[in-house]
Amino acid sequence: MSATAGNATLPGDPPGGRRAVAVWSIGVAVYFVAVIFRTSLGVAGLDAVDRFHVGASALSTFSILQLLVYAGMQIPVGLLVDRLGTKKVLSIGAVLFTAGQLGFAFSPSYGTALASRALLGCGDALTFISVLRLGSRWFPVRRGPMVAQLAGLVGMAGNLVSTLVLARLLHGIGWTPAFAGSALAGVLVLVLTLLFLKDHPEGYEPEPSPHQGAAYVRRQIAASWREPGTRLGLWVHFTTQFPAMVFLLLWGLPFLVQAQGLSRGTAGELLTLVVLSNMVVGLVYGQVVARHHAARLPLALGTVGATALVWAVTLLYPGAHAPMWLLVVLCTVLGACGPASMIGFDFARPANPAERQGTASGITNMGGFIASMTTLFAIGLLLDVTGDDYTVAFSAVFVLQALGVSQILRLRGRAARRERERVVSSRVETVHVPAA
């Protein structure tokens, strides 16, 4: 698709402007707090082991449960956003993840802590799709890629807050005050959402659509899935996101410390580099895709190829440990995975009308989290079977990348043709709209 087509003004395109930025910023603030809460366990792992008297396998269940809840809720969340609107869904999400964070602060046992993280995961799952929907309602279509990348950028900033701020609070004032105090941020964004957030600008109300229970749900899901762009978006998200997610969420620190012989402090700095790289690359990818839609697939596939190449070089390095410069390159390249996964939404968005945006985004967003859960399990299993051979265990990354790339190549032609047809159809509708 050409840049001209990507910048086409479609019928009913919202104007954007300062008010759009203000309203959208409230939604992004909810997502920002959700990410802080989501990643807070990453800085509290050792404290959780002591507090709940559990081992490493029980600790990893926290992360896997959160991903399972998050991925499993994406299609229901998309349907909820399409039916209830952004404000209601974000408000529910803020209530749930704040309650989960508070519950985690006061949990006396492993079981209650696990239940609290599941509740937090439910609330977290409601946020990102809602923010994408909010952006599509308030900003012109041509701004969509940049708005989505900025939302992802803010999410990574939440990850940094967990790493740099919450970790210090945890070690300074203790478990309960740190987690309970952070929950106040959830209360703040809930109040802002209830008072100031609006689903859409005045005069840009979406067309009412009939809601008929299970039949409506089936139609929404089936119609979104029939679009090649939705399926292509899912596979782009599947193939690009999971290497960095798995590395940051669970296996990066053990790999750097146990397999590469680094100290925990140095390993933590490399994990922070992944986050910083993500933020920088996100800005670049957003600008490029917003101006040149034809760059979407090359960027996504290029990121997959670069990730696979650097992983292979790192794992097969002939020495006992990979040199520091190579680990820095690895973490820098992994930082591009998150922004590349956002390109999946840039395939699903133009493939679906406004009333199906939430459902289509939910389907797309499942991809990376399904891949992440699969890889988390596979790496853990292979480490147990091989006696902590990280070279064999991390080879699971290449298997899932190969699967994803094969599906992307299979769907790209159909998705491109369908997208061109929709652009032409939209232009024809614009020409034939009678003057008021």
Protein backbone atom coordinates (compact mmCIF):
# COMPACT_ATOMS: atom_id res chain seq x y z
CA MET A 1 0.00 0.00 0.00
CA SER A 2 1.36 3.40 -0.94
CA ALA A 3 1.95 6.25 1.40
CA THR A 4 -0.79 8.18 -0.34
CA ALA A 5 -3.29 5.47 0.35
CA GLY A 6 -2.16 5.24 3.93
CA ASN A 7 -2.76 8.98 4.44
CA ALA A 8 -6.18 8.97 2.80
CA THR A 9 -8.92 10.75 4.74
CA LEU A 10 -11.83 8.40 5.22
CA PRO A 11 -15.50 9.31 5.79
CA GLY A 12 -16.14 10.27 9.41
CA ASP A 13 -12.41 10.70 10.16
CA PRO A 14 -12.12 12.42 13.59
CA PRO A 15 -10.18 15.71 13.63
CA GLY A 16 -7.69 15.01 16.42
CA GLY A 17 -6.28 18.15 18.06
CA ARG A 18 -5.49 19.16 21.62
CA ARG A 19 -8.68 17.81 23.13
CA ALA A 20 -8.04 14.44 21.51
CA VAL A 21 -4.56 14.40 23.05
CA ALA A 22 -5.97 15.29 26.49
CA VAL A 23 -8.66 12.60 26.45
CA TRP A 24 -6.35 9.97 24.97
CA SER A 25 -3.72 10.79 27.61
CA ILE A 26 -6.17 9.80 30.35
CA GLY A 27 -6.69 6.41 28.73
CA VAL A 28 -2.94 5.95 28.29
CA ALA A 29 -2.43 6.85 31.96
CA VAL A 30 -4.67 3.92 32.90
CA TYR A 31 -2.57 1.62 30.72
CA PHE A 32 0.64 3.07 32.20
CA VAL A 33 -0.48 2.20 35.74
CA ALA A 34 -1.63 -1.26 34.60
CA VAL A 35 1.86 -1.98 33.23
CA ILE A 36 3.49 -0.83 36.48
CA PHE A 37 1.29 -3.27 38.39
CA ARG A 38 1.81 -6.04 35.78
CA THR A 39 5.60 -5.82 35.97
CA SER A 40 5.84 -5.15 39.70
CA LEU A 41 6.42 -8.84 40.43
CA GLY A 42 9.55 -8.74 38.26
CA VAL A 43 11.33 -6.62 40.87
CA ALA A 44 9.84 -8.50 43.82
CA GLY A 45 10.63 -12.09 42.87
CA LEU A 46 13.21 -12.78 45.58
CA ASP A 47 11.05 -11.02 48.18
CA ALA A 48 8.06 -13.15 47.10
CA VAL A 49 10.10 -16.34 47.59
CA ASP A 50 10.84 -15.33 51.18
CA ARG A 51 7.35 -13.99 51.92
CA PHE A 52 5.38 -16.97 50.61
CA HIS A 53 8.03 -19.69 51.18
CA VAL A 54 7.88 -21.00 47.61
CA GLY A 55 10.40 -22.26 45.07
CA ALA A 56 11.23 -21.13 41.57
CA SER A 57 8.54 -23.21 39.85
CA ALA A 58 5.79 -21.84 42.07
CA LEU A 59 7.14 -18.33 41.52
CA SER A 60 7.03 -18.75 37.74
CA THR A 61 3.35 -19.67 38.04
CA PHE A 62 2.64 -16.01 38.83
CA SER A 63 3.93 -14.93 35.41
CA ILE A 64 2.36 -17.78 33.46
CA LEU A 65 -1.02 -17.24 35.15
CA GLN A 66 -0.96 -13.54 34.28
CA LEU A 67 -0.22 -14.30 30.62
CA LEU A 68 -2.89 -16.99 30.55
CA VAL A 69 -5.54 -14.65 31.94
CA TYR A 70 -4.42 -11.80 29.70
CA ALA A 71 -4.43 -13.85 26.49
CA GLY A 72 -7.67 -15.63 27.30
CA MET A 73 -9.52 -12.37 27.84
CA GLN A 74 -8.47 -10.54 24.68
CA ILE A 75 -11.44 -11.50 22.47
CA PRO A 76 -13.99 -11.00 25.29
CA VAL A 77 -12.38 -7.62 26.01
CA GLY A 78 -12.59 -6.64 22.35
CA LEU A 79 -16.28 -7.52 22.33
CA LEU A 80 -16.84 -5.58 25.55
CA VAL A 81 -15.13 -2.49 24.13
CA ASP A 82 -17.25 -2.66 20.98
CA ARG A 83 -20.41 -3.04 23.03
CA LEU A 84 -19.89 -0.92 26.16
CA GLY A 85 -17.40 1.68 24.97
CA THR A 86 -13.96 2.66 26.19
CA LYS A 87 -14.87 4.60 29.33
CA LYS A 88 -16.82 1.78 30.98
CA VAL A 89 -14.26 -0.90 30.13
CA LEU A 90 -11.28 1.18 31.30
CA SER A 91 -13.12 2.01 34.53
CA ILE A 92 -13.79 -1.67 35.20
CA GLY A 93 -10.16 -2.46 34.39
CA ALA A 94 -8.88 0.18 36.82
CA VAL A 95 -11.08 -1.19 39.62
CA LEU A 96 -9.88 -4.75 39.02
CA PHE A 97 -6.14 -4.12 38.74
CA THR A 98 -6.19 -1.76 41.73
CA ALA A 99 -8.00 -4.38 43.81
CA GLY A 100 -5.49 -6.98 42.63
CA GLN A 101 -2.53 -4.82 43.62
CA LEU A 102 -4.03 -4.13 47.04
CA GLY A 103 -4.77 -7.82 47.51
CA PHE A 104 -1.18 -8.66 46.62
CA ALA A 105 0.04 -6.13 49.19
CA PHE A 106 -1.85 -7.80 52.03
CA SER A 107 -1.81 -11.46 50.86
CA PRO A 108 -0.84 -13.72 53.78
CA SER A 109 -0.32 -16.84 51.66
CA TYR A 110 0.73 -18.05 48.22
CA GLY A 111 -2.84 -18.96 47.28
CA THR A 112 -4.28 -15.52 48.01
CA ALA A 113 -1.34 -13.86 46.27
CA LEU A 114 -1.96 -16.00 43.19
CA ALA A 115 -5.64 -15.05 43.21
CA SER A 116 -4.68 -11.37 43.53
CA ARG A 117 -2.36 -11.59 40.51
CA ALA A 118 -5.13 -13.26 38.51
CA LEU A 119 -7.48 -10.39 39.43
CA LEU A 120 -4.78 -7.90 38.47
CA GLY A 121 -4.33 -9.72 35.16
CA CYS A 122 -8.05 -9.41 34.46
CA GLY A 123 -7.94 -5.66 34.96
CA ASP A 124 -4.73 -5.31 32.96
CA ALA A 125 -6.29 -7.23 30.06
CA LEU A 126 -9.02 -4.59 29.76
CA THR A 127 -6.66 -1.67 29.20
CA PHE A 128 -4.61 -1.93 26.02
CA ILE A 129 -7.43 -2.79 23.60
CA SER A 130 -9.44 0.05 25.12
CA VAL A 131 -6.60 2.51 24.54
CA LEU A 132 -6.27 1.40 20.91
CA ARG A 133 -10.01 1.90 20.43
CA LEU A 134 -9.83 5.33 22.08
CA GLY A 135 -7.06 6.40 19.70
CA SER A 136 -9.02 5.27 16.64
CA ARG A 137 -12.07 7.26 17.85
CA TRP A 138 -10.24 10.52 18.53
CA PHE A 139 -7.45 10.69 15.91
CA PRO A 140 -7.46 10.56 12.08
CA VAL A 141 -6.71 7.20 10.50
CA ARG A 142 -3.33 8.38 9.22
CA ARG A 143 -2.24 8.99 12.82
CA GLY A 144 -3.16 5.45 13.90
CA PRO A 145 0.31 3.84 13.68
CA MET A 146 2.01 6.62 15.60
CA VAL A 147 -0.71 6.76 18.25
CA ALA A 148 -0.48 2.99 18.77
CA GLN A 149 3.33 3.07 19.03
CA LEU A 150 3.14 5.92 21.54
CA ALA A 151 0.74 3.87 23.66
CA GLY A 152 3.23 1.01 23.63
CA LEU A 153 6.00 3.46 24.50
CA VAL A 154 4.11 4.65 27.57
CA GLY A 155 3.64 1.03 28.58
CA MET A 156 7.39 0.44 28.48
CA ALA A 157 7.83 3.58 30.59
CA GLY A 158 5.63 1.84 33.17
CA ASN A 159 8.08 -1.06 33.07
CA LEU A 160 10.89 1.37 33.86
CA VAL A 161 8.96 2.77 36.82
CA SER A 162 8.69 -0.73 38.25
CA THR A 163 12.39 -1.32 37.77
CA LEU A 164 13.69 2.01 39.04
CA VAL A 165 11.07 3.27 41.51
CA LEU A 166 9.02 0.41 42.88
CA ALA A 167 12.14 -1.70 43.49
CA ARG A 168 13.59 1.04 45.70
CA LEU A 169 10.30 1.46 47.58
CA LEU A 170 10.12 -2.28 48.13
CA HIS A 171 13.57 -2.44 49.65
CA GLY A 172 13.13 0.85 51.51
CA ILE A 173 9.70 0.66 53.18
CA GLY A 174 8.82 -3.00 52.79
CA TRP A 175 6.37 -5.22 50.94
CA THR A 176 2.95 -4.06 52.18
CA PRO A 177 3.58 -0.28 52.19
CA ALA A 178 5.20 -0.41 48.73
CA PHE A 179 2.44 -2.38 47.00
CA ALA A 180 -0.41 -0.72 48.90
CA GLY A 181 1.06 2.72 48.24
CA SER A 182 1.43 2.02 44.52
CA ALA A 183 -2.26 1.04 44.42
CA LEU A 184 -3.11 4.71 45.02
CA ALA A 185 -2.07 5.35 41.41
CA GLY A 186 -4.90 3.05 40.34
CA VAL A 187 -7.39 5.07 42.38
CA LEU A 188 -6.12 8.29 40.77
CA VAL A 189 -6.52 7.09 37.17
CA LEU A 190 -9.95 5.65 37.97
CA VAL A 191 -11.12 9.07 39.17
CA LEU A 192 -9.68 10.79 36.09
CA THR A 193 -11.39 8.27 33.82
CA LEU A 194 -14.79 8.68 35.47
CA LEU A 195 -14.61 12.47 35.44
CA PHE A 196 -12.97 13.37 32.14
CA LEU A 197 -12.74 10.51 29.64
CA LYS A 198 -15.15 10.44 26.67
CA ASP A 199 -15.52 7.62 24.18
CA HIS A 200 -15.52 9.87 21.09
CA PRO A 201 -15.72 13.53 20.01
CA GLU A 202 -19.11 15.16 19.73
CA GLY A 203 -20.59 14.57 16.31
CA TYR A 204 -18.54 11.43 15.70
CA GLU A 205 -20.76 8.87 17.40
CA PRO A 206 -20.40 5.40 15.87
CA GLU A 207 -23.31 3.84 14.05
CA PRO A 208 -25.52 1.91 16.49
CA SER A 209 -25.21 -1.83 16.04
CA PRO A 210 -27.67 -4.47 17.25
CA HIS A 211 -26.52 -6.61 20.17
CA GLN A 212 -28.25 -9.98 20.26
CA GLY A 213 -26.38 -12.04 22.80
CA ALA A 214 -24.41 -15.04 21.62
CA ALA A 215 -25.44 -14.55 17.99
CA TYR A 216 -23.94 -11.05 18.00
CA VAL A 217 -20.71 -12.33 19.57
CA ARG A 218 -20.35 -15.06 16.97
CA ARG A 219 -20.96 -12.60 14.12
CA GLN A 220 -18.38 -10.13 15.44
CA ILE A 221 -15.69 -12.76 15.87
CA ALA A 222 -16.46 -14.51 12.56
CA ALA A 223 -16.55 -11.26 10.59
CA SER A 224 -13.24 -10.10 12.07
CA TRP A 225 -11.58 -13.47 11.50
CA ARG A 226 -12.70 -13.62 7.86
CA GLU A 227 -10.62 -10.53 7.14
CA PRO A 228 -7.12 -11.57 6.05
CA GLY A 229 -5.77 -8.40 7.66
CA THR A 230 -6.96 -9.54 11.08
CA ARG A 231 -5.26 -12.91 10.74
CA LEU A 232 -2.11 -11.32 9.34
CA GLY A 233 -2.09 -8.92 12.29
CA LEU A 234 -2.37 -11.84 14.72
CA TRP A 235 0.57 -13.68 13.14
CA VAL A 236 2.73 -10.55 12.98
CA HIS A 237 2.05 -10.01 16.68
CA PHE A 238 2.67 -13.72 17.39
CA THR A 239 6.01 -13.78 15.59
CA THR A 240 7.51 -10.50 16.77
CA GLN A 241 6.52 -9.97 20.40
CA PHE A 242 7.40 -13.15 22.27
CA PRO A 243 11.26 -13.19 22.23
CA ALA A 244 11.48 -9.97 24.25
CA MET A 245 8.44 -10.82 26.41
CA VAL A 246 9.94 -14.16 27.47
CA PHE A 247 13.33 -12.56 28.06
CA LEU A 248 11.97 -9.72 30.22
CA LEU A 249 9.26 -11.63 32.03
CA LEU A 250 11.13 -14.69 33.23
CA TRP A 251 14.14 -16.21 31.45
CA GLY A 252 16.39 -13.24 30.67
CA LEU A 253 17.86 -12.88 34.14
CA PRO A 254 18.61 -16.64 34.61
CA PHE A 255 20.17 -16.78 31.13
CA LEU A 256 22.43 -13.80 31.75
CA VAL A 257 23.45 -14.90 35.27
CA GLN A 258 23.64 -18.69 34.96
CA ALA A 259 24.59 -19.19 31.32
CA GLN A 260 26.62 -16.01 30.75
CA GLY A 261 28.18 -15.62 34.20
CA LEU A 262 27.09 -12.02 34.81
CA SER A 263 26.27 -10.49 38.16
CA ARG A 264 22.65 -9.71 38.97
CA GLY A 265 23.40 -5.99 38.77
CA THR A 266 24.91 -6.22 35.28
CA ALA A 267 22.08 -8.49 34.12
CA GLY A 268 19.55 -5.96 35.43
CA GLU A 269 21.25 -3.21 33.44
CA LEU A 270 20.97 -5.30 30.26
CA LEU A 271 17.27 -5.89 30.91
CA THR A 272 16.84 -2.14 31.31
CA LEU A 273 18.59 -1.72 27.94
CA VAL A 274 15.86 -3.85 26.34
CA VAL A 275 13.24 -1.45 27.72
CA LEU A 276 15.13 1.68 26.61
CA SER A 277 15.70 0.24 23.14
CA ASN A 278 12.00 -0.54 22.90
CA MET A 279 11.10 3.07 23.64
CA VAL A 280 13.50 4.50 21.04
CA VAL A 281 12.63 2.00 18.30
CA GLY A 282 8.92 2.51 18.97
CA LEU A 283 9.20 6.19 18.06
CA VAL A 284 11.10 5.36 14.87
CA TYR A 285 8.74 2.58 13.75
CA GLY A 286 5.69 4.73 14.46
CA GLN A 287 6.96 7.57 12.28
CA VAL A 288 7.99 5.25 9.45
CA VAL A 289 4.72 3.31 9.34
CA ALA A 290 2.60 6.46 9.60
CA ARG A 291 4.32 7.89 6.52
CA HIS A 292 4.93 4.72 4.50
CA HIS A 293 2.40 1.93 5.01
CA ALA A 294 4.31 -0.24 2.57
CA ALA A 295 7.09 -0.44 5.18
CA ARG A 296 4.96 -2.41 7.63
CA LEU A 297 5.81 -5.93 6.50
CA PRO A 298 9.51 -5.26 5.79
CA LEU A 299 9.90 -3.78 9.28
CA ALA A 300 8.15 -6.74 10.92
CA LEU A 301 10.03 -9.41 8.96
CA GLY A 302 13.30 -7.52 9.29
CA THR A 303 12.89 -7.46 13.08
CA VAL A 304 12.19 -11.21 13.13
CA GLY A 305 15.25 -11.89 10.98
CA ALA A 306 17.54 -9.68 13.07
CA THR A 307 16.28 -11.28 16.29
CA ALA A 308 16.83 -14.80 14.98
CA LEU A 309 20.32 -13.95 13.69
CA VAL A 310 21.55 -12.33 16.91
CA TRP A 311 20.03 -15.10 19.05
CA ALA A 312 21.77 -17.75 16.92
CA VAL A 313 25.14 -15.99 17.12
CA THR A 314 24.78 -15.56 20.90
CA LEU A 315 23.75 -19.17 21.58
CA LEU A 316 26.36 -20.67 19.26
CA TYR A 317 29.26 -18.43 20.30
CA PRO A 318 32.31 -20.72 20.62
CA GLY A 319 33.61 -19.35 23.91
CA ALA A 320 32.37 -20.22 27.39
CA HIS A 321 30.39 -16.97 27.49
CA ALA A 322 29.28 -14.53 24.81
CA PRO A 323 31.24 -11.24 24.95
CA MET A 324 29.56 -8.22 26.50
CA TRP A 325 29.31 -6.37 23.19
CA LEU A 326 27.27 -9.25 21.75
CA LEU A 327 24.93 -9.30 24.74
CA VAL A 328 24.45 -5.55 24.35
CA VAL A 329 23.56 -6.07 20.68
CA LEU A 330 21.17 -8.88 21.64
CA CYS A 331 19.32 -6.72 24.18
CA THR A 332 19.20 -3.78 21.78
CA VAL A 333 17.69 -5.92 19.04
CA LEU A 334 15.21 -7.50 21.46
CA GLY A 335 14.04 -3.96 22.18
CA ALA A 336 12.66 -3.80 18.63
CA CYS A 337 10.32 -6.75 19.21
CA GLY A 338 7.66 -4.76 21.06
CA PRO A 339 7.39 -1.98 18.43
CA ALA A 340 7.36 -4.59 15.65
CA SER A 341 4.45 -6.38 17.33
CA MET A 342 2.45 -3.13 17.25
CA ILE A 343 2.58 -3.32 13.45
CA GLY A 344 0.14 -6.22 13.73
CA PHE A 345 -2.57 -3.76 14.75
CA ASP A 346 -1.77 -1.68 11.67
CA PHE A 347 -2.88 -4.64 9.55
CA ALA A 348 -6.01 -5.40 11.58
CA ARG A 349 -7.17 -1.79 11.93
CA PRO A 350 -7.82 -0.96 8.22
CA ALA A 351 -9.28 -4.44 7.65
CA ASN A 352 -12.26 -3.84 9.96
CA PRO A 353 -14.94 -1.16 10.31
CA ALA A 354 -15.19 0.98 13.44
CA GLU A 355 -17.78 -1.24 15.11
CA ARG A 356 -15.37 -4.22 15.01
CA GLN A 357 -12.13 -2.48 16.00
CA GLY A 358 -12.14 -3.81 19.55
CA THR A 359 -12.83 -7.38 18.49
CA ALA A 360 -10.17 -7.31 15.76
CA SER A 361 -7.60 -5.79 18.14
CA GLY A 362 -8.39 -8.46 20.72
CA ILE A 363 -7.80 -11.23 18.20
CA THR A 364 -4.52 -9.63 17.13
CA ASN A 365 -3.33 -9.08 20.69
CA MET A 366 -3.76 -12.77 21.52
CA GLY A 367 -0.96 -13.72 19.13
CA GLY A 368 2.10 -12.57 21.04
CA PHE A 369 0.80 -13.75 24.40
CA ILE A 370 -0.02 -17.23 23.10
CA ALA A 371 3.50 -17.41 21.67
CA SER A 372 4.97 -16.15 24.96
CA MET A 373 3.11 -18.72 27.06
CA THR A 374 4.15 -21.51 24.70
CA THR A 375 7.79 -20.45 24.80
CA LEU A 376 7.82 -20.01 28.58
CA PHE A 377 6.63 -23.61 29.00
CA ALA A 378 8.94 -24.96 26.28
CA ILE A 379 12.09 -23.32 27.64
CA GLY A 380 11.33 -24.48 31.18
CA LEU A 381 10.69 -28.03 30.02
CA LEU A 382 13.82 -28.15 27.89
CA LEU A 383 15.96 -26.76 30.72
CA ASP A 384 14.73 -29.54 32.99
CA VAL A 385 15.26 -32.24 30.37
CA THR A 386 18.74 -31.08 29.30
CA GLY A 387 20.12 -30.11 32.70
CA ASP A 388 19.99 -26.34 32.15
CA ASP A 389 21.33 -26.31 28.58
CA TYR A 390 20.23 -22.83 27.51
CA THR A 391 21.40 -23.33 23.92
CA VAL A 392 18.92 -26.16 23.42
CA ALA A 393 16.18 -24.53 25.50
CA PHE A 394 16.23 -21.21 23.69
CA SER A 395 16.07 -23.00 20.33
CA ALA A 396 12.30 -23.04 20.93
CA VAL A 397 12.39 -19.39 19.82
CA PHE A 398 13.38 -20.38 16.28
CA VAL A 399 10.57 -22.95 15.99
CA LEU A 400 7.86 -20.41 16.79
CA GLN A 401 9.47 -17.77 14.58
CA ALA A 402 9.49 -20.19 11.64
CA LEU A 403 5.81 -21.01 12.20
CA GLY A 404 4.88 -17.35 12.37
CA VAL A 405 6.85 -16.31 9.29
CA SER A 406 5.26 -19.09 7.23
CA GLN A 407 1.80 -17.80 8.13
CA ILE A 408 2.74 -14.18 7.45
CA LEU A 409 4.00 -15.06 3.98
CA ARG A 410 0.86 -17.10 3.32
CA LEU A 411 -1.53 -14.24 4.23
CA ARG A 412 0.30 -11.14 3.02
CA GLY A 413 -1.01 -11.17 -0.56
CA ARG A 414 -4.66 -11.62 0.39
CA ALA A 415 -4.45 -8.96 3.09
CA ALA A 416 -2.88 -6.44 0.70
CA ARG A 417 -5.55 -7.00 -1.96
CA ARG A 418 -8.37 -6.67 0.56
CA GLU A 419 -6.90 -3.50 2.01
CA ARG A 420 -6.63 -1.89 -1.43
CA GLU A 421 -10.28 -2.77 -2.09
CA ARG A 422 -11.37 -1.08 1.15
CA VAL A 423 -9.41 2.09 0.36
CA VAL A 424 -10.96 2.32 -3.12
CA SER A 425 -14.44 1.68 -1.68
CA SER A 426 -13.95 4.40 0.96
CA ARG A 427 -12.92 6.92 -1.70
CA VAL A 428 -15.97 6.09 -3.79
CA GLU A 429 -18.21 6.61 -0.76
CA THR A 430 -16.56 9.97 -0.10
CA VAL A 431 -17.19 11.12 -3.68
CA HIS A 432 -20.86 10.12 -3.57
CA VAL A 433 -21.72 11.63 -0.18
CA PRO A 434 -24.40 14.30 -0.98
CA ALA A 435 -23.85 17.85 0.22
CA ALA A 436 -25.76 18.80 3.36
